[in-house]
């Protein structure tokens, strides 16, 4: 459960730092503390990938 969402948070922290993490939480409305409990549904994964692309200008990695 939520393994991919947690990986996206780790990725954004490495690439965009703390500000990127805040932007990801704001964009997805799923803070890192709740990402561990949220399902790795197709909808959530798409939401995170789109937010990461918006924040970094790069495609999100596949996990």
PDB file of N, CA and C in Angstrom:
ATOM      1  N   UNK A   1       0.837  -1.174   0.000  1.00  0.00           N
ATOM      2  CA  UNK A   1       0.000   0.000   0.000  1.00  0.00           C
ATOM      3  C   UNK A   1       0.893   1.253   0.000  1.00  0.00           C
ATOM      4  N   UNK A   2       0.673   2.141  -0.940  1.00  0.00           N
ATOM      5  CA  UNK A   2       1.303   3.455  -1.039  1.00  0.00           C
ATOM      6  C   UNK A   2       2.816   3.440  -1.229  1.00  0.00           C
ATOM      7  N   UNK A   3       3.369   2.334  -1.644  1.00  0.00           N
ATOM      8  CA  UNK A   3       4.813   2.279  -1.850  1.00  0.00           C
ATOM      9  C   UNK A   3       5.249   3.249  -2.948  1.00  0.00           C
ATOM     10  N   UNK A   4       4.483   3.338  -4.010  1.00  0.00           N
ATOM     11  CA  UNK A   4       4.840   4.221  -5.118  1.00  0.00           C
ATOM     12  C   UNK A   4       4.706   5.687  -4.723  1.00  0.00           C
ATOM     13  N   UNK A   5       3.664   6.025  -4.006  1.00  0.00           N
ATOM     14  CA  UNK A   5       3.472   7.416  -3.598  1.00  0.00           C
ATOM     15  C   UNK A   5       4.619   7.875  -2.701  1.00  0.00           C
ATOM     16  N   UNK A   6       5.061   7.011  -1.820  1.00  0.00           N
ATOM     17  CA  UNK A   6       6.192   7.327  -0.952  1.00  0.00           C
ATOM     18  C   UNK A   6       7.450   7.519  -1.795  1.00  0.00           C
ATOM     19  N   UNK A   7       7.634   6.686  -2.810  1.00  0.00           N
ATOM     20  CA  UNK A   7       8.794   6.825  -3.698  1.00  0.00           C
ATOM     21  C   UNK A   7       8.761   8.163  -4.432  1.00  0.00           C
ATOM     22  N   UNK A   8       7.584   8.607  -4.838  1.00  0.00           N
ATOM     23  CA  UNK A   8       7.476   9.904  -5.507  1.00  0.00           C
ATOM     24  C   UNK A   8       7.853  11.038  -4.556  1.00  0.00           C
ATOM     25  N   UNK A   9       7.495  10.929  -3.301  1.00  0.00           N
ATOM     26  CA  UNK A   9       7.906  11.940  -2.327  1.00  0.00           C
ATOM     27  C   UNK A   9       9.423  11.941  -2.150  1.00  0.00           C
ATOM     28  N   UNK A  10      10.035  10.774  -2.099  1.00  0.00           N
ATOM     29  CA  UNK A  10      11.494  10.695  -1.985  1.00  0.00           C
ATOM     30  C   UNK A  10      12.148  11.313  -3.217  1.00  0.00           C
ATOM     31  N   UNK A  11      11.601  11.019  -4.383  1.00  0.00           N
ATOM     32  CA  UNK A  11      12.144  11.554  -5.630  1.00  0.00           C
ATOM     33  C   UNK A  11      12.066  13.076  -5.658  1.00  0.00           C
ATOM     34  N   UNK A  12      10.917  13.632  -5.357  1.00  0.00           N
ATOM     35  CA  UNK A  12      10.743  15.083  -5.429  1.00  0.00           C
ATOM     36  C   UNK A  12      11.639  15.774  -4.407  1.00  0.00           C
ATOM     37  N   UNK A  13      11.850  15.164  -3.274  1.00  0.00           N
ATOM     38  CA  UNK A  13      12.735  15.750  -2.249  1.00  0.00           C
ATOM     39  C   UNK A  13      14.169  15.804  -2.769  1.00  0.00           C
ATOM     40  N   UNK A  14      14.603  14.755  -3.478  1.00  0.00           N
ATOM     41  CA  UNK A  14      15.953  14.728  -4.037  1.00  0.00           C
ATOM     42  C   UNK A  14      16.119  15.745  -5.163  1.00  0.00           C
ATOM     43  N   UNK A  15      15.097  15.878  -5.997  1.00  0.00           N
ATOM     44  CA  UNK A  15      15.179  16.720  -7.181  1.00  0.00           C
ATOM     45  C   UNK A  15      14.864  18.187  -6.888  1.00  0.00           C
ATOM     46  N   UNK A  16      13.869  18.432  -6.051  1.00  0.00           N
ATOM     47  CA  UNK A  16      13.393  19.801  -5.849  1.00  0.00           C
ATOM     48  C   UNK A  16      13.461  20.279  -4.398  1.00  0.00           C
ATOM     49  N   UNK A  17      13.974  19.464  -3.515  1.00  0.00           N
ATOM     50  CA  UNK A  17      14.139  19.869  -2.127  1.00  0.00           C
ATOM     51  C   UNK A  17      12.826  19.987  -1.360  1.00  0.00           C
ATOM     52  N   UNK A  18      12.925  20.671  -0.248  1.00  0.00           N
ATOM     53  CA  UNK A  18      11.771  20.816   0.642  1.00  0.00           C
ATOM     54  C   UNK A  18      10.629  21.568  -0.039  1.00  0.00           C
ATOM     55  N   UNK A  19      10.969  22.594  -0.806  1.00  0.00           N
ATOM     56  CA  UNK A  19       9.938  23.364  -1.522  1.00  0.00           C
ATOM     57  C   UNK A  19       9.173  22.472  -2.500  1.00  0.00           C
ATOM     58  N   UNK A  20       9.875  21.581  -3.164  1.00  0.00           N
ATOM     59  CA  UNK A  20       9.231  20.647  -4.087  1.00  0.00           C
ATOM     60  C   UNK A  20       8.279  19.718  -3.364  1.00  0.00           C
ATOM     61  N   UNK A  21       8.682  19.300  -2.175  1.00  0.00           N
ATOM     62  CA  UNK A  21       7.826  18.427  -1.366  1.00  0.00           C
ATOM     63  C   UNK A  21       6.537  19.154  -0.982  1.00  0.00           C
ATOM     64  N   UNK A  22       6.669  20.409  -0.609  1.00  0.00           N
ATOM     65  CA  UNK A  22       5.498  21.226  -0.263  1.00  0.00           C
ATOM     66  C   UNK A  22       4.609  21.396  -1.490  1.00  0.00           C
ATOM     67  N   UNK A  23       5.226  21.683  -2.640  1.00  0.00           N
ATOM     68  CA  UNK A  23       4.465  21.850  -3.882  1.00  0.00           C
ATOM     69  C   UNK A  23       3.721  20.569  -4.255  1.00  0.00           C
ATOM     70  N   UNK A  24       4.361  19.420  -4.052  1.00  0.00           N
ATOM     71  CA  UNK A  24       3.724  18.139  -4.362  1.00  0.00           C
ATOM     72  C   UNK A  24       2.511  17.918  -3.457  1.00  0.00           C
ATOM     73  N   UNK A  25       2.673  18.194  -2.183  1.00  0.00           N
ATOM     74  CA  UNK A  25       1.558  18.040  -1.239  1.00  0.00           C
ATOM     75  C   UNK A  25       0.406  18.963  -1.602  1.00  0.00           C
ATOM     76  N   UNK A  26       0.729  20.192  -1.975  1.00  0.00           N
ATOM     77  CA  UNK A  26      -0.301  21.168  -2.337  1.00  0.00           C
ATOM     78  C   UNK A  26      -1.013  20.758  -3.625  1.00  0.00           C
ATOM     79  N   UNK A  27      -0.242  20.329  -4.608  1.00  0.00           N
ATOM     80  CA  UNK A  27      -0.811  19.965  -5.911  1.00  0.00           C
ATOM     81  C   UNK A  27      -1.683  18.719  -5.854  1.00  0.00           C
ATOM     82  N   UNK A  28      -1.269  17.746  -5.055  1.00  0.00           N
ATOM     83  CA  UNK A  28      -1.996  16.472  -5.006  1.00  0.00           C
ATOM     84  C   UNK A  28      -3.053  16.433  -3.904  1.00  0.00           C
ATOM     85  N   UNK A  29      -2.941  17.345  -2.957  1.00  0.00           N
ATOM     86  CA  UNK A  29      -3.812  17.348  -1.771  1.00  0.00           C
ATOM     87  C   UNK A  29      -3.641  16.069  -0.937  1.00  0.00           C
ATOM     88  N   UNK A  30      -2.462  15.445  -1.102  1.00  0.00           N
ATOM     89  CA  UNK A  30      -2.116  14.272  -0.298  1.00  0.00           C
ATOM     90  C   UNK A  30      -0.750  14.551   0.330  1.00  0.00           C
ATOM     91  N   UNK A  31      -0.718  15.013   1.581  1.00  0.00           N
ATOM     92  CA  UNK A  31       0.560  15.285   2.227  1.00  0.00           C
ATOM     93  C   UNK A  31       1.365  13.999   2.434  1.00  0.00           C
ATOM     94  N   UNK A  32       2.651  14.165   2.616  1.00  0.00           N
ATOM     95  CA  UNK A  32       3.523  12.988   2.757  1.00  0.00           C
ATOM     96  C   UNK A  32       3.101  12.105   3.922  1.00  0.00           C
ATOM     97  N   UNK A  33       2.572  12.691   4.982  1.00  0.00           N
ATOM     98  CA  UNK A  33       2.145  11.891   6.133  1.00  0.00           C
ATOM     99  C   UNK A  33       0.949  11.003   5.803  1.00  0.00           C
ATOM    100  N   UNK A  34       0.124  11.424   4.856  1.00  0.00           N
ATOM    101  CA  UNK A  34      -1.036  10.615   4.463  1.00  0.00           C
ATOM    102  C   UNK A  34      -0.743   9.743   3.248  1.00  0.00           C
ATOM    103  N   UNK A  35       0.334  10.033   2.540  1.00  0.00           N
ATOM    104  CA  UNK A  35       0.688   9.245   1.352  1.00  0.00           C
ATOM    105  C   UNK A  35       0.964   7.786   1.721  1.00  0.00           C
ATOM    106  N   UNK A  36       1.462   7.566   2.921  1.00  0.00           N
ATOM    107  CA  UNK A  36       1.749   6.206   3.366  1.00  0.00           C
ATOM    108  C   UNK A  36       0.489   5.368   3.536  1.00  0.00           C
ATOM    109  N   UNK A  37      -0.646   6.032   3.709  1.00  0.00           N
ATOM    110  CA  UNK A  37      -1.908   5.321   3.904  1.00  0.00           C
ATOM    111  C   UNK A  37      -2.807   5.362   2.668  1.00  0.00           C
ATOM    112  N   UNK A  38      -2.473   6.224   1.717  1.00  0.00           N
ATOM    113  CA  UNK A  38      -3.290   6.345   0.502  1.00  0.00           C
ATOM    114  C   UNK A  38      -2.984   5.181  -0.437  1.00  0.00           C
ATOM    115  N   UNK A  39      -3.958   4.733  -1.199  1.00  0.00           N
ATOM    116  CA  UNK A  39      -3.714   3.607  -2.101  1.00  0.00           C
ATOM    117  C   UNK A  39      -2.883   4.025  -3.308  1.00  0.00           C
ATOM    118  N   UNK A  40      -2.100   3.091  -3.825  1.00  0.00           N
ATOM    119  CA  UNK A  40      -1.340   3.296  -5.064  1.00  0.00           C
ATOM    120  C   UNK A  40      -2.267   3.055  -6.253  1.00  0.00           C
ATOM    121  N   UNK A  41      -3.380   3.749  -6.266  1.00  0.00           N
ATOM    122  CA  UNK A  41      -4.345   3.580  -7.352  1.00  0.00           C
ATOM    123  C   UNK A  41      -3.833   4.266  -8.609  1.00  0.00           C
ATOM    124  N   UNK A  42      -4.370   3.862  -9.753  1.00  0.00           N
ATOM    125  CA  UNK A  42      -3.991   4.501 -11.015  1.00  0.00           C
ATOM    126  C   UNK A  42      -4.251   5.997 -10.957  1.00  0.00           C
ATOM    127  N   UNK A  43      -5.354   6.382 -10.337  1.00  0.00           N
ATOM    128  CA  UNK A  43      -5.715   7.795 -10.218  1.00  0.00           C
ATOM    129  C   UNK A  43      -4.670   8.570  -9.410  1.00  0.00           C
ATOM    130  N   UNK A  44      -4.253   8.024  -8.270  1.00  0.00           N
ATOM    131  CA  UNK A  44      -3.263   8.701  -7.437  1.00  0.00           C
ATOM    132  C   UNK A  44      -1.901   8.761  -8.121  1.00  0.00           C
ATOM    133  N   UNK A  45      -1.516   7.694  -8.777  1.00  0.00           N
ATOM    134  CA  UNK A  45      -0.229   7.671  -9.477  1.00  0.00           C
ATOM    135  C   UNK A  45      -0.220   8.708 -10.596  1.00  0.00           C
ATOM    136  N   UNK A  46      -1.295   8.790 -11.353  1.00  0.00           N
ATOM    137  CA  UNK A  46      -1.393   9.797 -12.419  1.00  0.00           C
ATOM    138  C   UNK A  46      -1.342  11.199 -11.828  1.00  0.00           C
ATOM    139  N   UNK A  47      -2.032  11.413 -10.740  1.00  0.00           N
ATOM    140  CA  UNK A  47      -2.039  12.709 -10.064  1.00  0.00           C
ATOM    141  C   UNK A  47      -0.625  13.114  -9.646  1.00  0.00           C
ATOM    142  N   UNK A  48       0.111  12.182  -9.068  1.00  0.00           N
ATOM    143  CA  UNK A  48       1.476  12.457  -8.629  1.00  0.00           C
ATOM    144  C   UNK A  48       2.401  12.700  -9.817  1.00  0.00           C
ATOM    145  N   UNK A  49       2.283  11.888 -10.858  1.00  0.00           N
ATOM    146  CA  UNK A  49       3.128  12.066 -12.040  1.00  0.00           C
ATOM    147  C   UNK A  49       2.900  13.428 -12.684  1.00  0.00           C
ATOM    148  N   UNK A  50       1.653  13.836 -12.799  1.00  0.00           N
ATOM    149  CA  UNK A  50       1.342  15.140 -13.396  1.00  0.00           C
ATOM    150  C   UNK A  50       1.886  16.268 -12.526  1.00  0.00           C
ATOM    151  N   UNK A  51       1.753  16.147 -11.228  1.00  0.00           N
ATOM    152  CA  UNK A  51       2.262  17.180 -10.319  1.00  0.00           C
ATOM    153  C   UNK A  51       3.786  17.262 -10.390  1.00  0.00           C
ATOM    154  N   UNK A  52       4.451  16.127 -10.435  1.00  0.00           N
ATOM    155  CA  UNK A  52       5.911  16.112 -10.528  1.00  0.00           C
ATOM    156  C   UNK A  52       6.362  16.766 -11.827  1.00  0.00           C
ATOM    157  N   UNK A  53       5.680  16.464 -12.915  1.00  0.00           N
ATOM    158  CA  UNK A  53       6.028  17.078 -14.192  1.00  0.00           C
ATOM    159  C   UNK A  53       5.851  18.593 -14.129  1.00  0.00           C
ATOM    160  N   UNK A  54       4.784  19.022 -13.510  1.00  0.00           N
ATOM    161  CA  UNK A  54       4.509  20.460 -13.368  1.00  0.00           C
ATOM    162  C   UNK A  54       5.588  21.142 -12.517  1.00  0.00           C
ATOM    163  N   UNK A  55       6.034  20.493 -11.466  1.00  0.00           N
ATOM    164  CA  UNK A  55       7.010  21.062 -10.541  1.00  0.00           C
ATOM    165  C   UNK A  55       8.417  21.065 -11.136  1.00  0.00           C
ATOM    166  N   UNK A  56       8.805  19.954 -11.764  1.00  0.00           N
ATOM    167  CA  UNK A  56      10.194  19.801 -12.216  1.00  0.00           C
ATOM    168  C   UNK A  56      10.390  20.044 -13.705  1.00  0.00           C
ATOM    169  N   UNK A  57       9.313  19.936 -14.479  1.00  0.00           N
ATOM    170  CA  UNK A  57       9.454  20.037 -15.928  1.00  0.00           C
ATOM    171  C   UNK A  57       9.958  18.745 -16.542  1.00  0.00           C
ATOM    172  N   UNK A  58      10.073  17.707 -15.729  1.00  0.00           N
ATOM    173  CA  UNK A  58      10.560  16.395 -16.177  1.00  0.00           C
ATOM    174  C   UNK A  58       9.492  15.344 -15.910  1.00  0.00           C
ATOM    175  N   UNK A  59       9.558  14.268 -16.685  1.00  0.00           N
ATOM    176  CA  UNK A  59       8.652  13.146 -16.422  1.00  0.00           C
ATOM    177  C   UNK A  59       9.033  12.474 -15.118  1.00  0.00           C
ATOM    178  N   UNK A  60       8.057  12.037 -14.389  1.00  0.00           N
ATOM    179  CA  UNK A  60       8.296  11.311 -13.146  1.00  0.00           C
ATOM    180  C   UNK A  60       8.830   9.926 -13.475  1.00  0.00           C
ATOM    181  N   UNK A  61       9.681   9.377 -12.628  1.00  0.00           N
ATOM    182  CA  UNK A  61      10.189   8.025 -12.872  1.00  0.00           C
ATOM    183  C   UNK A  61       9.084   6.987 -12.710  1.00  0.00           C
ATOM    184  N   UNK A  62       9.272   5.847 -13.314  1.00  0.00           N
ATOM    185  CA  UNK A  62       8.338   4.727 -13.158  1.00  0.00           C
ATOM    186  C   UNK A  62       8.781   3.892 -11.967  1.00  0.00           C
ATOM    187  N   UNK A  63       7.865   3.647 -11.076  1.00  0.00           N
ATOM    188  CA  UNK A  63       8.140   2.783  -9.918  1.00  0.00           C
ATOM    189  C   UNK A  63       7.259   1.586  -9.948  1.00  0.00           C
TER     190      UNK A  63
END
